Each structure stands twice: as C-alpha cells, then as structure tokens.
Amino acid sequence: MQLELRHLEAVLQVAEAGSLGRAAARLGVSQPSLSAQLRRIERVAGGDLFVRSRSGVEPTPLGDFVLSAARRVLSEMDALTAGTRAAAPHPALRLGCILLVLVDQLLGHLEAELPGHEIDITIEESVTVLVRRLGAG
C-alpha cells in the first residue's frame, strides 16, 4: 500500500480532532473503520503515529513528522489545484456539497440554465475538507 492524499487527510483529522471518534465523525466514517485505516497507514509509515489513551490521541515523534509533511503536501496540492483552475481557458463551474440529495435537482437546473458549460461537483462527507478546498480556490 502507498500513502494517498486521503490518508494524509485522515491523519490530519485525527490530530486536529484529538480523538479517533471525533475524527471519524468529521470524516463521516465509523470509528472502527478509521481505526483500521490508521493501523494500515501506520504500517506503511513504519510505526505508531499517535499515542492512544482514554482521553484521546497525541502525536508521537513519527506522527509529528508525518503531520508536518502531510500539511505541506496537502497545501501544495491545494495550490496546484487553484493554479490549474485559474490557468484554464474555460474554467468549469465548480460546486461543493455535503448533501447528495441536493445535487440531483441542482444539476438539472444548472444544465438547463448553462447549456454547454462544464459543471464539476464535489461531494464530501467532511465539512472540514470541503471548507479547506473552498479556501484553496
């Protein structure tokens, strides 16, 4: 397994939330699922990223290193995305949504009102990720 951007997002969410349960809620996944994913990430990283306790999680030295790198990588990806969107000759209309039920009706209206325009819709389970992407353009 190789680390992917979604894995870096998950590690950041765990650190920012301070617990697996709160991070799972932010990401819209179950706590056991996030815990299993974190164990896989830690195997790839070569050790524990967090010290787990009843009161939450704290990054280990390896975790601090991974978190620092993850912040840089995700920031660079945000900059790359924003730059390519700004440089596109015909930028697409980009929308972000956390509720899938809204997208179907909205897409129908947009296609009728904006024929021939490219429409890119991102559906996120995490408001935090959606807001971060909004901030990145």
C-alpha atoms as a PDB file:
ATOM      1  CA  MET A   1       0.000   0.000   0.000  1.00  0.00           C
ATOM      2  CA  GLN A   2       1.161   3.536  -0.749  1.00  0.00           C
ATOM      3  CA  LEU A   3       0.028   6.600   1.137  1.00  0.00           C
ATOM      4  CA  GLU A   4      -2.558   8.650  -0.719  1.00  0.00           C
ATOM      5  CA  LEU A   5      -3.885  12.157  -0.161  1.00  0.00           C
ATOM      6  CA  ARG A   6      -6.958  10.727   1.583  1.00  0.00           C
ATOM      7  CA  HIS A   7      -4.673   9.018   4.079  1.00  0.00           C
ATOM      8  CA  LEU A   8      -2.917  12.305   4.826  1.00  0.00           C
ATOM      9  CA  GLU A   9      -6.326  13.951   5.277  1.00  0.00           C
ATOM     10  CA  ALA A  10      -7.339  11.223   7.728  1.00  0.00           C
ATOM     11  CA  VAL A  11      -4.141  11.607   9.777  1.00  0.00           C
ATOM     12  CA  LEU A  12      -4.647  15.383   9.914  1.00  0.00           C
ATOM     13  CA  GLN A  13      -8.253  14.953  11.008  1.00  0.00           C
ATOM     14  CA  VAL A  14      -7.228  12.605  13.813  1.00  0.00           C
ATOM     15  CA  ALA A  15      -4.618  15.091  15.039  1.00  0.00           C
ATOM     16  CA  GLU A  16      -6.932  18.105  14.766  1.00  0.00           C
ATOM     17  CA  ALA A  17      -9.888  16.346  16.392  1.00  0.00           C
ATOM     18  CA  GLY A  18      -7.767  14.887  19.185  1.00  0.00           C
ATOM     19  CA  SER A  19      -9.566  11.553  19.087  1.00  0.00           C
ATOM     20  CA  LEU A  20     -10.470   8.824  16.638  1.00  0.00           C
ATOM     21  CA  GLY A  21     -14.171   9.126  17.446  1.00  0.00           C
ATOM     22  CA  ARG A  22     -14.333  12.871  16.728  1.00  0.00           C
ATOM     23  CA  ALA A  23     -12.175  12.482  13.617  1.00  0.00           C
ATOM     24  CA  ALA A  24     -14.427   9.685  12.344  1.00  0.00           C
ATOM     25  CA  ALA A  25     -17.482  11.905  12.813  1.00  0.00           C
ATOM     26  CA  ARG A  26     -15.785  14.739  10.899  1.00  0.00           C
ATOM     27  CA  LEU A  27     -14.851  12.382   8.082  1.00  0.00           C
ATOM     28  CA  GLY A  28     -18.269  10.728   8.004  1.00  0.00           C
ATOM     29  CA  VAL A  29     -16.926   7.230   8.651  1.00  0.00           C
ATOM     30  CA  SER A  30     -17.258   4.818  11.554  1.00  0.00           C
ATOM     31  CA  GLN A  31     -14.657   4.882  14.313  1.00  0.00           C
ATOM     32  CA  PRO A  32     -13.678   1.208  13.756  1.00  0.00           C
ATOM     33  CA  SER A  33     -13.200   1.930  10.044  1.00  0.00           C
ATOM     34  CA  LEU A  34     -10.973   4.927  10.746  1.00  0.00           C
ATOM     35  CA  SER A  35      -9.049   2.962  13.370  1.00  0.00           C
ATOM     36  CA  ALA A  36      -8.387   0.164  10.865  1.00  0.00           C
ATOM     37  CA  GLN A  37      -7.326   2.690   8.230  1.00  0.00           C
ATOM     38  CA  LEU A  38      -4.966   4.363  10.701  1.00  0.00           C
ATOM     39  CA  ARG A  39      -3.378   0.993  11.531  1.00  0.00           C
ATOM     40  CA  ARG A  40      -2.742   0.420   7.794  1.00  0.00           C
ATOM     41  CA  ILE A  41      -1.254   3.919   7.476  1.00  0.00           C
ATOM     42  CA  GLU A  42       0.972   3.276  10.497  1.00  0.00           C
ATOM     43  CA  ARG A  43       2.230   0.021   8.950  1.00  0.00           C
ATOM     44  CA  VAL A  44       3.257   1.952   5.836  1.00  0.00           C
ATOM     45  CA  ALA A  45       4.802   4.742   7.931  1.00  0.00           C
ATOM     46  CA  GLY A  46       6.790   2.230   9.980  1.00  0.00           C
ATOM     47  CA  GLY A  47       5.406   2.923  13.446  1.00  0.00           C
ATOM     48  CA  ASP A  48       2.711   4.455  15.609  1.00  0.00           C
ATOM     49  CA  LEU A  49       1.669   7.972  14.630  1.00  0.00           C
ATOM     50  CA  PHE A  50      -0.351   8.554  17.787  1.00  0.00           C
ATOM     51  CA  VAL A  51      -0.315   7.504  21.411  1.00  0.00           C
ATOM     52  CA  ARG A  52      -3.858   6.443  22.163  1.00  0.00           C
ATOM     53  CA  SER A  53      -5.465   6.863  25.582  1.00  0.00           C
ATOM     54  CA  ARG A  54      -8.958   7.167  27.044  1.00  0.00           C
ATOM     55  CA  SER A  55      -8.673  10.940  26.838  1.00  0.00           C
ATOM     56  CA  GLY A  56      -7.743  10.976  23.136  1.00  0.00           C
ATOM     57  CA  VAL A  57      -4.648  10.818  20.963  1.00  0.00           C
ATOM     58  CA  GLU A  58      -1.309  12.617  20.944  1.00  0.00           C
ATOM     59  CA  PRO A  59       1.157  12.508  18.045  1.00  0.00           C
ATOM     60  CA  THR A  60       4.352  10.524  18.513  1.00  0.00           C
ATOM     61  CA  PRO A  61       7.614  11.950  17.124  1.00  0.00           C
ATOM     62  CA  LEU A  62       6.957   9.940  13.948  1.00  0.00           C
ATOM     63  CA  GLY A  63       3.415  11.313  13.947  1.00  0.00           C
ATOM     64  CA  ASP A  64       4.715  14.889  14.218  1.00  0.00           C
ATOM     65  CA  PHE A  65       6.975  14.251  11.216  1.00  0.00           C
ATOM     66  CA  VAL A  66       4.128  12.756   9.159  1.00  0.00           C
ATOM     67  CA  LEU A  67       1.747  15.566  10.155  1.00  0.00           C
ATOM     68  CA  SER A  68       4.258  18.227   9.138  1.00  0.00           C
ATOM     69  CA  ALA A  69       4.825  16.555   5.779  1.00  0.00           C
ATOM     70  CA  ALA A  70       1.085  15.978   5.274  1.00  0.00           C
ATOM     71  CA  ARG A  71       0.355  19.680   5.830  1.00  0.00           C
ATOM     72  CA  ARG A  72       2.988  20.633   3.249  1.00  0.00           C
ATOM     73  CA  VAL A  73       1.808  18.068   0.689  1.00  0.00           C
ATOM     74  CA  LEU A  74      -1.873  18.977   1.053  1.00  0.00           C
ATOM     75  CA  SER A  75      -1.055  22.686   0.880  1.00  0.00           C
ATOM     76  CA  GLU A  76       0.930  22.126  -2.322  1.00  0.00           C
ATOM     77  CA  MET A  77      -1.929  20.086  -3.807  1.00  0.00           C
ATOM     78  CA  ASP A  78      -4.362  22.892  -2.947  1.00  0.00           C
ATOM     79  CA  ALA A  79      -2.028  25.400  -4.642  1.00  0.00           C
ATOM     80  CA  LEU A  80      -1.689  23.147  -7.689  1.00  0.00           C
ATOM     81  CA  THR A  81      -5.442  22.772  -7.968  1.00  0.00           C
ATOM     82  CA  ALA A  82      -6.049  26.503  -7.561  1.00  0.00           C
ATOM     83  CA  GLY A  83      -3.343  27.306 -10.113  1.00  0.00           C
ATOM     84  CA  THR A  84      -4.636  24.941 -12.755  1.00  0.00           C
ATOM     85  CA  ARG A  85      -8.170  26.226 -12.297  1.00  0.00           C
ATOM     86  CA  ALA A  86      -7.017  29.826 -12.661  1.00  0.00           C
ATOM     87  CA  ALA A  87      -5.000  28.993 -15.780  1.00  0.00           C
ATOM     88  CA  ALA A  88      -7.768  27.021 -17.524  1.00  0.00           C
ATOM     89  CA  PRO A  89      -9.022  28.763 -20.691  1.00  0.00           C
ATOM     90  CA  HIS A  90     -12.659  27.871 -19.928  1.00  0.00           C
ATOM     91  CA  PRO A  91     -12.952  27.221 -16.211  1.00  0.00           C
ATOM     92  CA  ALA A  92     -15.681  24.866 -15.148  1.00  0.00           C
ATOM     93  CA  LEU A  93     -18.368  25.801 -12.681  1.00  0.00           C
ATOM     94  CA  ARG A  94     -17.271  24.042  -9.511  1.00  0.00           C
ATOM     95  CA  LEU A  95     -19.606  23.290  -6.655  1.00  0.00           C
ATOM     96  CA  GLY A  96     -19.071  21.584  -3.336  1.00  0.00           C
ATOM     97  CA  CYS A  97     -21.784  19.815  -1.400  1.00  0.00           C
ATOM     98  CA  ILE A  98     -22.151  17.610   1.655  1.00  0.00           C
ATOM     99  CA  LEU A  99     -25.730  16.531   0.994  1.00  0.00           C
ATOM    100  CA  LEU A 100     -26.128  14.283  -2.033  1.00  0.00           C
ATOM    101  CA  VAL A 101     -29.899  14.829  -2.220  1.00  0.00           C
ATOM    102  CA  LEU A 102     -29.399  18.473  -3.191  1.00  0.00           C
ATOM    103  CA  VAL A 103     -27.136  17.698  -6.127  1.00  0.00           C
ATOM    104  CA  ASP A 104     -29.653  15.937  -8.370  1.00  0.00           C
ATOM    105  CA  GLN A 105     -32.124  18.828  -8.576  1.00  0.00           C
ATOM    106  CA  LEU A 106     -29.366  21.442  -8.649  1.00  0.00           C
ATOM    107  CA  LEU A 107     -27.562  19.724 -11.519  1.00  0.00           C
ATOM    108  CA  GLY A 108     -30.750  19.599 -13.582  1.00  0.00           C
ATOM    109  CA  HIS A 109     -31.328  23.331 -13.110  1.00  0.00           C
ATOM    110  CA  LEU A 110     -27.706  24.201 -13.877  1.00  0.00           C
ATOM    111  CA  GLU A 111     -27.655  22.170 -17.082  1.00  0.00           C
ATOM    112  CA  ALA A 112     -30.818  23.954 -18.241  1.00  0.00           C
ATOM    113  CA  GLU A 113     -29.522  27.418 -17.316  1.00  0.00           C
ATOM    114  CA  LEU A 114     -25.926  26.919 -18.516  1.00  0.00           C
ATOM    115  CA  PRO A 115     -26.045  24.705 -21.614  1.00  0.00           C
ATOM    116  CA  GLY A 116     -22.622  23.705 -22.887  1.00  0.00           C
ATOM    117  CA  HIS A 117     -20.778  24.639 -19.695  1.00  0.00           C
ATOM    118  CA  GLU A 118     -18.708  22.074 -17.851  1.00  0.00           C
ATOM    119  CA  ILE A 119     -20.026  21.529 -14.335  1.00  0.00           C
ATOM    120  CA  ASP A 120     -17.795  19.884 -11.724  1.00  0.00           C
ATOM    121  CA  ILE A 121     -19.450  18.857  -8.462  1.00  0.00           C
ATOM    122  CA  THR A 122     -17.516  17.587  -5.460  1.00  0.00           C
ATOM    123  CA  ILE A 123     -19.454  15.730  -2.795  1.00  0.00           C
ATOM    124  CA  GLU A 124     -17.613  15.485   0.508  1.00  0.00           C
ATOM    125  CA  GLU A 125     -18.550  13.704   3.690  1.00  0.00           C
ATOM    126  CA  SER A 126     -16.450  16.141   5.694  1.00  0.00           C
ATOM    127  CA  VAL A 127     -17.387  19.791   6.047  1.00  0.00           C
ATOM    128  CA  THR A 128     -13.807  20.447   7.163  1.00  0.00           C
ATOM    129  CA  VAL A 129     -12.367  19.075   3.915  1.00  0.00           C
ATOM    130  CA  LEU A 130     -14.938  20.973   1.860  1.00  0.00           C
ATOM    131  CA  VAL A 131     -14.141  24.253   3.613  1.00  0.00           C
ATOM    132  CA  ARG A 132     -10.386  23.663   3.164  1.00  0.00           C
ATOM    133  CA  ARG A 133     -10.909  23.098  -0.553  1.00  0.00           C
ATOM    134  CA  LEU A 134     -13.080  26.198  -0.765  1.00  0.00           C
ATOM    135  CA  GLY A 135     -10.292  28.211   0.860  1.00  0.00           C
ATOM    136  CA  ALA A 136      -7.838  26.808  -1.665  1.00  0.00           C
ATOM    137  CA  GLY A 137      -9.968  28.020  -4.551  1.00  0.00           C
END
